[in-house]
Amino acid sequence: MAGIFEVFVDGESLFRFRLKSPDGTVIAVSTPFEDKTAVVAGIAAARECAGMGLVTDLCPATGVRQPAATVLAKPVPHNAASQGCDEPRKAANGFRTHAKELGRASAAPRWTGAA
């Protein structure tokens, strides 16, 4: 099921929308809009941009400090045997080469033509 957009009036009598997950968790809250027409246009823009939006990492390179009271989980050791892979991983740019090695003519998806 898809998320749900809810339009509401905030404490300053301006229109906003919030995006909720199917379980009711608030995922995002919009900036304020002057009227319902503007908030509907904002929802349309969010629908259009969010699906293919790029991710920009603005976190510091050194990582985020953990509060003293936080209990950190123990790191899981990397064990290639636990992955169940018999061959080494291929780099992302070697995808087409790997697909050809598997016997496919190309890495393009195979469309069945069913509608």
PDB file of N, CA and C in Angstrom:
ATOM      1  N   MET A   1       0.837  -1.180   0.000  1.00  0.00           N
ATOM      2  CA  MET A   1       0.000   0.000   0.000  1.00  0.00           C
ATOM      3  C   MET A   1       0.878   1.237   0.000  1.00  0.00           C
ATOM      4  N   ALA A   2       0.420   2.266  -0.672  1.00  0.00           N
ATOM      5  CA  ALA A   2       1.171   3.506  -0.783  1.00  0.00           C
ATOM      6  C   ALA A   2       0.987   4.372   0.456  1.00  0.00           C
ATOM      7  N   GLY A   3       1.818   5.375   0.569  1.00  0.00           N
ATOM      8  CA  GLY A   3       1.690   6.324   1.660  1.00  0.00           C
ATOM      9  C   GLY A   3       0.429   7.164   1.500  1.00  0.00           C
ATOM     10  N   ILE A   4       0.100   7.919   2.542  1.00  0.00           N
ATOM     11  CA  ILE A   4      -1.110   8.736   2.552  1.00  0.00           C
ATOM     12  C   ILE A   4      -0.704  10.188   2.787  1.00  0.00           C
ATOM     13  N   PHE A   5      -1.212  11.093   1.950  1.00  0.00           N
ATOM     14  CA  PHE A   5      -1.011  12.515   2.152  1.00  0.00           C
ATOM     15  C   PHE A   5      -2.203  13.054   2.932  1.00  0.00           C
ATOM     16  N   GLU A   6      -1.948  13.743   4.029  1.00  0.00           N
ATOM     17  CA  GLU A   6      -2.997  14.378   4.821  1.00  0.00           C
ATOM     18  C   GLU A   6      -2.807  15.879   4.767  1.00  0.00           C
ATOM     19  N   VAL A   7      -3.872  16.605   4.422  1.00  0.00           N
ATOM     20  CA  VAL A   7      -3.847  18.063   4.409  1.00  0.00           C
ATOM     21  C   VAL A   7      -4.434  18.530   5.735  1.00  0.00           C
ATOM     22  N   PHE A   8      -3.761  19.504   6.373  1.00  0.00           N
ATOM     23  CA  PHE A   8      -4.258  20.017   7.645  1.00  0.00           C
ATOM     24  C   PHE A   8      -3.900  21.495   7.781  1.00  0.00           C
ATOM     25  N   VAL A   9      -4.519  22.145   8.757  1.00  0.00           N
ATOM     26  CA  VAL A   9      -4.245  23.545   9.061  1.00  0.00           C
ATOM     27  C   VAL A   9      -3.404  23.576  10.326  1.00  0.00           C
ATOM     28  N   ASP A  10      -2.259  24.268  10.267  1.00  0.00           N
ATOM     29  CA  ASP A  10      -1.353  24.309  11.417  1.00  0.00           C
ATOM     30  C   ASP A  10      -1.790  25.380  12.424  1.00  0.00           C
ATOM     31  N   GLY A  11      -1.021  25.581  13.455  1.00  0.00           N
ATOM     32  CA  GLY A  11      -1.328  26.532  14.513  1.00  0.00           C
ATOM     33  C   GLY A  11      -1.344  27.979  14.059  1.00  0.00           C
ATOM     34  N   GLU A  12      -0.725  28.281  12.926  1.00  0.00           N
ATOM     35  CA  GLU A  12      -0.689  29.643  12.390  1.00  0.00           C
ATOM     36  C   GLU A  12      -1.738  29.850  11.306  1.00  0.00           C
ATOM     37  N   SER A  13      -2.705  28.931  11.192  1.00  0.00           N
ATOM     38  CA  SER A  13      -3.796  28.978  10.204  1.00  0.00           C
ATOM     39  C   SER A  13      -3.294  28.905   8.769  1.00  0.00           C
ATOM     40  N   LEU A  14      -2.202  28.187   8.559  1.00  0.00           N
ATOM     41  CA  LEU A  14      -1.686  27.944   7.216  1.00  0.00           C
ATOM     42  C   LEU A  14      -1.873  26.470   6.885  1.00  0.00           C
ATOM     43  N   PHE A  15      -2.000  26.176   5.599  1.00  0.00           N
ATOM     44  CA  PHE A  15      -2.200  24.801   5.161  1.00  0.00           C
ATOM     45  C   PHE A  15      -0.857  24.089   5.047  1.00  0.00           C
ATOM     46  N   ARG A  16      -0.838  22.840   5.438  1.00  0.00           N
ATOM     47  CA  ARG A  16       0.328  21.972   5.300  1.00  0.00           C
ATOM     48  C   ARG A  16      -0.155  20.591   4.909  1.00  0.00           C
ATOM     49  N   PHE A  17       0.787  19.749   4.469  1.00  0.00           N
ATOM     50  CA  PHE A  17       0.460  18.340   4.291  1.00  0.00           C
ATOM     51  C   PHE A  17       1.528  17.512   4.967  1.00  0.00           C
ATOM     52  N   ARG A  18       1.131  16.306   5.359  1.00  0.00           N
ATOM     53  CA  ARG A  18       2.096  15.362   5.912  1.00  0.00           C
ATOM     54  C   ARG A  18       1.942  14.057   5.140  1.00  0.00           C
ATOM     55  N   LEU A  19       3.043  13.382   4.963  1.00  0.00           N
ATOM     56  CA  LEU A  19       3.063  12.075   4.310  1.00  0.00           C
ATOM     57  C   LEU A  19       3.185  11.028   5.399  1.00  0.00           C
ATOM     58  N   LYS A  20       2.231  10.088   5.407  1.00  0.00           N
ATOM     59  CA  LYS A  20       2.230   9.024   6.410  1.00  0.00           C
ATOM     60  C   LYS A  20       2.422   7.687   5.727  1.00  0.00           C
ATOM     61  N   SER A  21       3.160   6.801   6.394  1.00  0.00           N
ATOM     62  CA  SER A  21       3.339   5.441   5.896  1.00  0.00           C
ATOM     63  C   SER A  21       2.048   4.668   6.138  1.00  0.00           C
ATOM     64  N   PRO A  22       1.903   3.498   5.517  1.00  0.00           N
ATOM     65  CA  PRO A  22       0.689   2.707   5.728  1.00  0.00           C
ATOM     66  C   PRO A  22       0.409   2.366   7.191  1.00  0.00           C
ATOM     67  N   ASP A  23       1.456   2.306   8.027  1.00  0.00           N
ATOM     68  CA  ASP A  23       1.222   1.998   9.449  1.00  0.00           C
ATOM     69  C   ASP A  23       0.944   3.248  10.288  1.00  0.00           C
ATOM     70  N   GLY A  24       0.880   4.426   9.651  1.00  0.00           N
ATOM     71  CA  GLY A  24       0.526   5.662  10.351  1.00  0.00           C
ATOM     72  C   GLY A  24       1.692   6.507  10.804  1.00  0.00           C
ATOM     73  N   THR A  25       2.921   6.073  10.554  1.00  0.00           N
ATOM     74  CA  THR A  25       4.102   6.843  10.941  1.00  0.00           C
ATOM     75  C   THR A  25       4.245   8.056  10.028  1.00  0.00           C
ATOM     76  N   VAL A  26       4.459   9.236  10.610  1.00  0.00           N
ATOM     77  CA  VAL A  26       4.662  10.447   9.820  1.00  0.00           C
ATOM     78  C   VAL A  26       6.064  10.411   9.235  1.00  0.00           C
ATOM     79  N   ILE A  27       6.139  10.478   7.910  1.00  0.00           N
ATOM     80  CA  ILE A  27       7.419  10.415   7.211  1.00  0.00           C
ATOM     81  C   ILE A  27       7.938  11.812   6.895  1.00  0.00           C
ATOM     82  N   ALA A  28       7.035  12.721   6.491  1.00  0.00           N
ATOM     83  CA  ALA A  28       7.447  14.071   6.119  1.00  0.00           C
ATOM     84  C   ALA A  28       6.320  15.046   6.393  1.00  0.00           C
ATOM     85  N   VAL A  29       6.696  16.305   6.685  1.00  0.00           N
ATOM     86  CA  VAL A  29       5.743  17.391   6.866  1.00  0.00           C
ATOM     87  C   VAL A  29       6.186  18.526   5.961  1.00  0.00           C
ATOM     88  N   SER A  30       5.233  19.134   5.263  1.00  0.00           N
ATOM     89  CA  SER A  30       5.554  20.167   4.281  1.00  0.00           C
ATOM     90  C   SER A  30       5.800  21.521   4.930  1.00  0.00           C
ATOM     91  N   THR A  31       6.229  22.445   4.103  1.00  0.00           N
ATOM     92  CA  THR A  31       6.294  23.851   4.485  1.00  0.00           C
ATOM     93  C   THR A  31       4.873  24.404   4.443  1.00  0.00           C
ATOM     94  N   PRO A  32       4.627  25.577   5.022  1.00  0.00           N
ATOM     95  CA  PRO A  32       3.266  26.122   5.009  1.00  0.00           C
ATOM     96  C   PRO A  32       2.869  26.656   3.631  1.00  0.00           C
ATOM     97  N   PHE A  33       1.566  26.557   3.327  1.00  0.00           N
ATOM     98  CA  PHE A  33       0.987  27.070   2.088  1.00  0.00           C
ATOM     99  C   PHE A  33      -0.149  28.016   2.453  1.00  0.00           C
ATOM    100  N   GLU A  34      -0.414  28.986   1.584  1.00  0.00           N
ATOM    101  CA  GLU A  34      -1.443  29.994   1.839  1.00  0.00           C
ATOM    102  C   GLU A  34      -2.864  29.475   1.642  1.00  0.00           C
ATOM    103  N   ASP A  35      -3.074  28.554   0.686  1.00  0.00           N
ATOM    104  CA  ASP A  35      -4.423  28.059   0.411  1.00  0.00           C
ATOM    105  C   ASP A  35      -4.381  26.604  -0.032  1.00  0.00           C
ATOM    106  N   LYS A  36      -5.579  26.007  -0.188  1.00  0.00           N
ATOM    107  CA  LYS A  36      -5.645  24.589  -0.557  1.00  0.00           C
ATOM    108  C   LYS A  36      -5.109  24.332  -1.957  1.00  0.00           C
ATOM    109  N   THR A  37      -5.307  25.258  -2.869  1.00  0.00           N
ATOM    110  CA  THR A  37      -4.786  25.086  -4.227  1.00  0.00           C
ATOM    111  C   THR A  37      -3.273  24.943  -4.205  1.00  0.00           C
ATOM    112  N   ALA A  38      -2.625  25.755  -3.396  1.00  0.00           N
ATOM    113  CA  ALA A  38      -1.160  25.700  -3.300  1.00  0.00           C
ATOM    114  C   ALA A  38      -0.703  24.404  -2.640  1.00  0.00           C
ATOM    115  N   VAL A  39      -1.422  23.927  -1.609  1.00  0.00           N
ATOM    116  CA  VAL A  39      -1.010  22.694  -0.947  1.00  0.00           C
ATOM    117  C   VAL A  39      -1.197  21.495  -1.874  1.00  0.00           C
ATOM    118  N   VAL A  40      -2.251  21.512  -2.700  1.00  0.00           N
ATOM    119  CA  VAL A  40      -2.447  20.430  -3.675  1.00  0.00           C
ATOM    120  C   VAL A  40      -1.326  20.444  -4.705  1.00  0.00           C
ATOM    121  N   ALA A  41      -0.898  21.624  -5.135  1.00  0.00           N
ATOM    122  CA  ALA A  41       0.242  21.721  -6.055  1.00  0.00           C
ATOM    123  C   ALA A  41       1.520  21.225  -5.386  1.00  0.00           C
ATOM    124  N   GLY A  42       1.668  21.479  -4.090  1.00  0.00           N
ATOM    125  CA  GLY A  42       2.830  20.979  -3.354  1.00  0.00           C
ATOM    126  C   GLY A  42       2.846  19.463  -3.270  1.00  0.00           C
ATOM    127  N   ILE A  43       1.675  18.858  -3.076  1.00  0.00           N
ATOM    128  CA  ILE A  43       1.581  17.400  -3.045  1.00  0.00           C
ATOM    129  C   ILE A  43       1.940  16.825  -4.410  1.00  0.00           C
ATOM    130  N   ALA A  44       1.451  17.452  -5.475  1.00  0.00           N
ATOM    131  CA  ALA A  44       1.782  16.989  -6.831  1.00  0.00           C
ATOM    132  C   ALA A  44       3.284  17.067  -7.073  1.00  0.00           C
ATOM    133  N   ALA A  45       3.911  18.145  -6.619  1.00  0.00           N
ATOM    134  CA  ALA A  45       5.360  18.296  -6.791  1.00  0.00           C
ATOM    135  C   ALA A  45       6.109  17.236  -5.983  1.00  0.00           C
ATOM    136  N   ALA A  46       5.646  16.956  -4.762  1.00  0.00           N
ATOM    137  CA  ALA A  46       6.299  15.934  -3.940  1.00  0.00           C
ATOM    138  C   ALA A  46       6.180  14.564  -4.593  1.00  0.00           C
ATOM    139  N   ARG A  47       5.010  14.254  -5.144  1.00  0.00           N
ATOM    140  CA  ARG A  47       4.829  12.969  -5.823  1.00  0.00           C
ATOM    141  C   ARG A  47       5.761  12.849  -7.028  1.00  0.00           C
ATOM    142  N   GLU A  48       5.902  13.939  -7.761  1.00  0.00           N
ATOM    143  CA  GLU A  48       6.731  13.916  -8.967  1.00  0.00           C
ATOM    144  C   GLU A  48       8.219  13.818  -8.648  1.00  0.00           C
ATOM    145  N   CYS A  49       8.663  14.516  -7.637  1.00  0.00           N
ATOM    146  CA  CYS A  49      10.097  14.587  -7.333  1.00  0.00           C
ATOM    147  C   CYS A  49      10.599  13.450  -6.454  1.00  0.00           C
ATOM    148  N   ALA A  50       9.778  12.962  -5.549  1.00  0.00           N
ATOM    149  CA  ALA A  50      10.256  12.016  -4.544  1.00  0.00           C
ATOM    150  C   ALA A  50      10.620  10.660  -5.120  1.00  0.00           C
ATOM    151  N   GLY A  51       9.905  10.203  -6.128  1.00  0.00           N
ATOM    152  CA  GLY A  51      10.148   8.868  -6.666  1.00  0.00           C
ATOM    153  C   GLY A  51      11.544   8.664  -7.207  1.00  0.00           C
ATOM    154  N   MET A  52      12.095   9.646  -7.846  1.00  0.00           N
ATOM    155  CA  MET A  52      13.415   9.516  -8.454  1.00  0.00           C
ATOM    156  C   MET A  52      14.410  10.501  -7.856  1.00  0.00           C
ATOM    157  N   GLY A  53      14.112  11.000  -6.671  1.00  0.00           N
ATOM    158  CA  GLY A  53      14.994  11.977  -6.040  1.00  0.00           C
ATOM    159  C   GLY A  53      16.361  11.400  -5.703  1.00  0.00           C
ATOM    160  N   LEU A  54      17.371  12.210  -5.879  1.00  0.00           N
ATOM    161  CA  LEU A  54      18.731  11.813  -5.540  1.00  0.00           C
ATOM    162  C   LEU A  54      18.937  11.939  -4.034  1.00  0.00           C
ATOM    163  N   VAL A  55      19.862  11.204  -3.505  1.00  0.00           N
ATOM    164  CA  VAL A  55      20.206  11.258  -2.082  1.00  0.00           C
ATOM    165  C   VAL A  55      21.522  12.001  -1.953  1.00  0.00           C
ATOM    166  N   THR A  56      21.541  13.022  -1.112  1.00  0.00           N
ATOM    167  CA  THR A  56      22.755  13.771  -0.846  1.00  0.00           C
ATOM    168  C   THR A  56      23.132  13.552   0.605  1.00  0.00           C
ATOM    169  N   ASP A  57      24.340  13.069   0.836  1.00  0.00           N
ATOM    170  CA  ASP A  57      24.820  12.794   2.184  1.00  0.00           C
ATOM    171  C   ASP A  57      25.470  14.052   2.741  1.00  0.00           C
ATOM    172  N   LEU A  58      24.826  14.674   3.728  1.00  0.00           N
ATOM    173  CA  LEU A  58      25.351  15.884   4.344  1.00  0.00           C
ATOM    174  C   LEU A  58      25.973  15.605   5.706  1.00  0.00           C
ATOM    175  N   CYS A  59      26.167  14.331   6.024  1.00  0.00           N
ATOM    176  CA  CYS A  59      26.747  13.952   7.308  1.00  0.00           C
ATOM    177  C   CYS A  59      28.241  14.255   7.316  1.00  0.00           C
ATOM    178  N   PRO A  60      28.784  14.605   8.483  1.00  0.00           N
ATOM    179  CA  PRO A  60      30.237  14.840   8.535  1.00  0.00           C
ATOM    180  C   PRO A  60      30.991  13.548   8.252  1.00  0.00           C
ATOM    181  N   ALA A  61      32.177  13.685   7.676  1.00  0.00           N
ATOM    182  CA  ALA A  61      32.976  12.526   7.296  1.00  0.00           C
ATOM    183  C   ALA A  61      33.418  11.711   8.501  1.00  0.00           C
ATOM    184  N   THR A  62      33.554  12.342   9.655  1.00  0.00           N
ATOM    185  CA  THR A  62      34.016  11.632  10.841  1.00  0.00           C
ATOM    186  C   THR A  62      32.906  10.859  11.528  1.00  0.00           C
ATOM    187  N   GLY A  63      31.686  11.015  11.089  1.00  0.00           N
ATOM    188  CA  GLY A  63      30.573  10.305  11.698  1.00  0.00           C
ATOM    189  C   GLY A  63      29.875  11.168  12.731  1.00  0.00           C
ATOM    190  N   VAL A  64      28.851  10.623  13.309  1.00  0.00           N
ATOM    191  CA  VAL A  64      28.045  11.342  14.281  1.00  0.00           C
ATOM    192  C   VAL A  64      28.410  10.857  15.671  1.00  0.00           C
ATOM    193  N   ARG A  65      28.581  11.774  16.593  1.00  0.00           N
ATOM    194  CA  ARG A  65      28.880  11.402  17.974  1.00  0.00           C
ATOM    195  C   ARG A  65      27.667  10.753  18.600  1.00  0.00           C
ATOM    196  N   GLN A  66      27.894   9.723  19.333  1.00  0.00           N
ATOM    197  CA  GLN A  66      26.832   9.034  20.051  1.00  0.00           C
ATOM    198  C   GLN A  66      26.749   9.593  21.467  1.00  0.00           C
ATOM    199  N   PRO A  67      25.538   9.811  21.982  1.00  0.00           N
ATOM    200  CA  PRO A  67      25.420  10.241  23.378  1.00  0.00           C
ATOM    201  C   PRO A  67      26.010   9.177  24.303  1.00  0.00           C
ATOM    202  N   ALA A  68      26.487   9.584  25.465  1.00  0.00           N
ATOM    203  CA  ALA A  68      27.152   8.673  26.389  1.00  0.00           C
ATOM    204  C   ALA A  68      26.232   7.548  26.846  1.00  0.00           C
ATOM    205  N   ALA A  69      24.923   7.799  26.933  1.00  0.00           N
ATOM    206  CA  ALA A  69      23.997   6.793  27.438  1.00  0.00           C
ATOM    207  C   ALA A  69      23.605   5.771  26.371  1.00  0.00           C
ATOM    208  N   THR A  70      23.984   5.995  25.128  1.00  0.00           N
ATOM    209  CA  THR A  70      23.607   5.086  24.046  1.00  0.00           C
ATOM    210  C   THR A  70      24.440   3.817  24.113  1.00  0.00           C
ATOM    211  N   VAL A  71      23.786   2.696  24.008  1.00  0.00           N
ATOM    212  CA  VAL A  71      24.477   1.414  23.975  1.00  0.00           C
ATOM    213  C   VAL A  71      24.689   1.045  22.514  1.00  0.00           C
ATOM    214  N   LEU A  72      25.924   0.897  22.133  1.00  0.00           N
ATOM    215  CA  LEU A  72      26.238   0.565  20.749  1.00  0.00           C
ATOM    216  C   LEU A  72      26.217  -0.939  20.557  1.00  0.00           C
ATOM    217  N   ALA A  73      25.661  -1.362  19.438  1.00  0.00           N
ATOM    218  CA  ALA A  73      25.639  -2.787  19.119  1.00  0.00           C
ATOM    219  C   ALA A  73      27.038  -3.233  18.732  1.00  0.00           C
ATOM    220  N   LYS A  74      27.330  -4.495  19.001  1.00  0.00           N
ATOM    221  CA  LYS A  74      28.630  -5.035  18.621  1.00  0.00           C
ATOM    222  C   LYS A  74      28.673  -5.183  17.102  1.00  0.00           C
ATOM    223  N   PRO A  75      29.797  -4.819  16.466  1.00  0.00           N
ATOM    224  CA  PRO A  75      29.877  -4.970  15.019  1.00  0.00           C
ATOM    225  C   PRO A  75      29.852  -6.442  14.625  1.00  0.00           C
ATOM    226  N   VAL A  76      29.197  -6.714  13.514  1.00  0.00           N
ATOM    227  CA  VAL A  76      29.120  -8.077  13.003  1.00  0.00           C
ATOM    228  C   VAL A  76      30.346  -8.298  12.124  1.00  0.00           C
ATOM    229  N   PRO A  77      31.155  -9.307  12.396  1.00  0.00           N
ATOM    230  CA  PRO A  77      32.341  -9.536  11.563  1.00  0.00           C
ATOM    231  C   PRO A  77      31.939  -9.937  10.160  1.00  0.00           C
ATOM    232  N   HIS A  78      32.680  -9.441   9.196  1.00  0.00           N
ATOM    233  CA  HIS A  78      32.412  -9.761   7.798  1.00  0.00           C
ATOM    234  C   HIS A  78      32.962 -11.150   7.500  1.00  0.00           C
ATOM    235  N   ASN A  79      32.112 -12.000   7.024  1.00  0.00           N
ATOM    236  CA  ASN A  79      32.518 -13.353   6.682  1.00  0.00           C
ATOM    237  C   ASN A  79      31.947 -13.681   5.314  1.00  0.00           C
ATOM    238  N   ALA A  80      32.786 -13.743   4.317  1.00  0.00           N
ATOM    239  CA  ALA A  80      32.329 -13.973   2.945  1.00  0.00           C
ATOM    240  C   ALA A  80      31.614 -15.308   2.812  1.00  0.00           C
ATOM    241  N   ALA A  81      31.993 -16.293   3.612  1.00  0.00           N
ATOM    242  CA  ALA A  81      31.352 -17.600   3.516  1.00  0.00           C
ATOM    243  C   ALA A  81      29.896 -17.540   3.946  1.00  0.00           C
ATOM    244  N   SER A  82      29.560 -16.617   4.854  1.00  0.00           N
ATOM    245  CA  SER A  82      28.180 -16.528   5.321  1.00  0.00           C
ATOM    246  C   SER A  82      27.258 -15.939   4.265  1.00  0.00           C
ATOM    247  N   GLN A  83      27.796 -15.314   3.225  1.00  0.00           N
ATOM    248  CA  GLN A  83      26.974 -14.734   2.169  1.00  0.00           C
ATOM    249  C   GLN A  83      26.480 -15.795   1.204  1.00  0.00           C
ATOM    250  N   GLY A  84      27.090 -16.956   1.198  1.00  0.00           N
ATOM    251  CA  GLY A  84      26.676 -18.007   0.280  1.00  0.00           C
ATOM    252  C   GLY A  84      27.135 -17.761  -1.144  1.00  0.00           C
ATOM    253  N   CYS A  85      28.162 -16.973  -1.320  1.00  0.00           N
ATOM    254  CA  CYS A  85      28.659 -16.666  -2.663  1.00  0.00           C
ATOM    255  C   CYS A  85      29.906 -17.495  -2.928  1.00  0.00           C
ATOM    256  N   ASP A  86      29.926 -18.158  -4.058  1.00  0.00           N
ATOM    257  CA  ASP A  86      31.096 -18.943  -4.425  1.00  0.00           C
ATOM    258  C   ASP A  86      32.074 -18.145  -5.267  1.00  0.00           C
ATOM    259  N   GLU A  87      31.617 -17.050  -5.825  1.00  0.00           N
ATOM    260  CA  GLU A  87      32.485 -16.245  -6.672  1.00  0.00           C
ATOM    261  C   GLU A  87      32.630 -14.862  -6.072  1.00  0.00           C
ATOM    262  N   PRO A  88      33.723 -14.172  -6.393  1.00  0.00           N
ATOM    263  CA  PRO A  88      33.897 -12.831  -5.850  1.00  0.00           C
ATOM    264  C   PRO A  88      32.847 -11.878  -6.420  1.00  0.00           C
ATOM    265  N   ARG A  89      32.558 -10.829  -5.658  1.00  0.00           N
ATOM    266  CA  ARG A  89      31.577  -9.850  -6.115  1.00  0.00           C
ATOM    267  C   ARG A  89      32.134  -9.061  -7.278  1.00  0.00           C
ATOM    268  N   LYS A  90      31.254  -8.706  -8.202  1.00  0.00           N
ATOM    269  CA  LYS A  90      31.634  -7.889  -9.347  1.00  0.00           C
ATOM    270  C   LYS A  90      31.378  -6.431  -9.015  1.00  0.00           C
ATOM    271  N   ALA A  91      32.192  -5.552  -9.570  1.00  0.00           N
ATOM    272  CA  ALA A  91      31.968  -4.122  -9.406  1.00  0.00           C
ATOM    273  C   ALA A  91      30.713  -3.723 -10.166  1.00  0.00           C
ATOM    274  N   ALA A  92      30.099  -2.623  -9.752  1.00  0.00           N
ATOM    275  CA  ALA A  92      28.854  -2.168 -10.383  1.00  0.00           C
ATOM    276  C   ALA A  92      29.055  -1.910 -11.873  1.00  0.00           C
ATOM    277  N   ASN A  93      30.229  -1.428 -12.275  1.00  0.00           N
ATOM    278  CA  ASN A  93      30.455  -1.145 -13.680  1.00  0.00           C
ATOM    279  C   ASN A  93      30.696  -2.418 -14.488  1.00  0.00           C
ATOM    280  N   GLY A  94      30.840  -3.567 -13.841  1.00  0.00           N
ATOM    281  CA  GLY A  94      31.022  -4.831 -14.543  1.00  0.00           C
ATOM    282  C   GLY A  94      29.724  -5.603 -14.691  1.00  0.00           C
ATOM    283  N   PHE A  95      28.582  -4.940 -14.469  1.00  0.00           N
ATOM    284  CA  PHE A  95      27.289  -5.607 -14.511  1.00  0.00           C
ATOM    285  C   PHE A  95      27.021  -6.215 -15.884  1.00  0.00           C
ATOM    286  N   ARG A  96      27.233  -5.462 -16.942  1.00  0.00           N
ATOM    287  CA  ARG A  96      26.940  -5.972 -18.283  1.00  0.00           C
ATOM    288  C   ARG A  96      27.857  -7.136 -18.643  1.00  0.00           C
ATOM    289  N   THR A  97      29.112  -7.034 -18.262  1.00  0.00           N
ATOM    290  CA  THR A  97      30.037  -8.124 -18.529  1.00  0.00           C
ATOM    291  C   THR A  97      29.588  -9.382 -17.797  1.00  0.00           C
ATOM    292  N   HIS A  98      29.179  -9.227 -16.549  1.00  0.00           N
ATOM    293  CA  HIS A  98      28.712 -10.366 -15.765  1.00  0.00           C
ATOM    294  C   HIS A  98      27.453 -10.967 -16.385  1.00  0.00           C
ATOM    295  N   ALA A  99      26.558 -10.131 -16.890  1.00  0.00           N
ATOM    296  CA  ALA A  99      25.335 -10.629 -17.518  1.00  0.00           C
ATOM    297  C   ALA A  99      25.672 -11.433 -18.766  1.00  0.00           C
ATOM    298  N   LYS A 100      26.642 -10.983 -19.536  1.00  0.00           N
ATOM    299  CA  LYS A 100      27.045 -11.731 -20.732  1.00  0.00           C
ATOM    300  C   LYS A 100      27.681 -13.060 -20.354  1.00  0.00           C
ATOM    301  N   GLU A 101      28.430 -13.067 -19.244  1.00  0.00           N
ATOM    302  CA  GLU A 101      29.037 -14.307 -18.784  1.00  0.00           C
ATOM    303  C   GLU A 101      27.969 -15.334 -18.414  1.00  0.00           C
ATOM    304  N   LEU A 102      26.826 -14.852 -17.969  1.00  0.00           N
ATOM    305  CA  LEU A 102      25.736 -15.751 -17.608  1.00  0.00           C
ATOM    306  C   LEU A 102      24.985 -16.270 -18.831  1.00  0.00           C
ATOM    307  N   GLY A 103      25.313 -15.758 -20.006  1.00  0.00           N
ATOM    308  CA  GLY A 103      24.714 -16.262 -21.234  1.00  0.00           C
ATOM    309  C   GLY A 103      23.587 -15.427 -21.787  1.00  0.00           C
ATOM    310  N   ARG A 104      23.390 -14.265 -21.246  1.00  0.00           N
ATOM    311  CA  ARG A 104      22.348 -13.393 -21.775  1.00  0.00           C
ATOM    312  C   ARG A 104      22.933 -12.538 -22.876  1.00  0.00           C
ATOM    313  N   ALA A 105      22.109 -12.242 -23.868  1.00  0.00           N
ATOM    314  CA  ALA A 105      22.577 -11.425 -24.990  1.00  0.00           C
ATOM    315  C   ALA A 105      22.833  -9.993 -24.542  1.00  0.00           C
ATOM    316  N   SER A 106      22.010  -9.494 -23.631  1.00  0.00           N
ATOM    317  CA  SER A 106      22.219  -8.142 -23.124  1.00  0.00           C
ATOM    318  C   SER A 106      21.692  -8.083 -21.698  1.00  0.00           C
ATOM    319  N   ALA A 107      21.989  -6.977 -21.020  1.00  0.00           N
ATOM    320  CA  ALA A 107      21.519  -6.800 -19.647  1.00  0.00           C
ATOM    321  C   ALA A 107      20.163  -6.122 -19.605  1.00  0.00           C
ATOM    322  N   ALA A 108      19.545  -5.934 -20.763  1.00  0.00           N
ATOM    323  CA  ALA A 108      18.235  -5.269 -20.810  1.00  0.00           C
ATOM    324  C   ALA A 108      17.171  -6.184 -20.221  1.00  0.00           C
ATOM    325  N   PRO A 109      16.138  -5.601 -19.621  1.00  0.00           N
ATOM    326  CA  PRO A 109      15.064  -6.439 -19.064  1.00  0.00           C
ATOM    327  C   PRO A 109      14.313  -7.163 -20.169  1.00  0.00           C
ATOM    328  N   ARG A 110      13.791  -8.302 -19.842  1.00  0.00           N
ATOM    329  CA  ARG A 110      13.007  -9.079 -20.814  1.00  0.00           C
ATOM    330  C   ARG A 110      11.539  -8.787 -20.577  1.00  0.00           C
ATOM    331  N   TRP A 111      10.902  -8.192 -21.544  1.00  0.00           N
ATOM    332  CA  TRP A 111       9.488  -7.852 -21.440  1.00  0.00           C
ATOM    333  C   TRP A 111       8.665  -8.996 -21.984  1.00  0.00           C
ATOM    334  N   THR A 112       7.622  -9.365 -21.270  1.00  0.00           N
ATOM    335  CA  THR A 112       6.788 -10.492 -21.689  1.00  0.00           C
ATOM    336  C   THR A 112       5.697 -10.066 -22.656  1.00  0.00           C
ATOM    337  N   GLY A 113       5.381  -8.782 -22.676  1.00  0.00           N
ATOM    338  CA  GLY A 113       4.323  -8.302 -23.554  1.00  0.00           C
ATOM    339  C   GLY A 113       2.955  -8.412 -22.921  1.00  0.00           C
ATOM    340  N   ALA A 114       2.863  -8.988 -21.743  1.00  0.00           N
ATOM    341  CA  ALA A 114       1.574  -9.086 -21.057  1.00  0.00           C
ATOM    342  C   ALA A 114       1.214  -7.717 -20.510  1.00  0.00           C
ATOM    343  N   ALA A 115      -0.048  -7.374 -20.642  1.00  0.00           N
ATOM    344  CA  ALA A 115      -0.477  -6.058 -20.171  1.00  0.00           C
ATOM    345  C   ALA A 115      -1.285  -6.167 -18.915  1.00  0.00           C
TER     346      ALA A 115
END
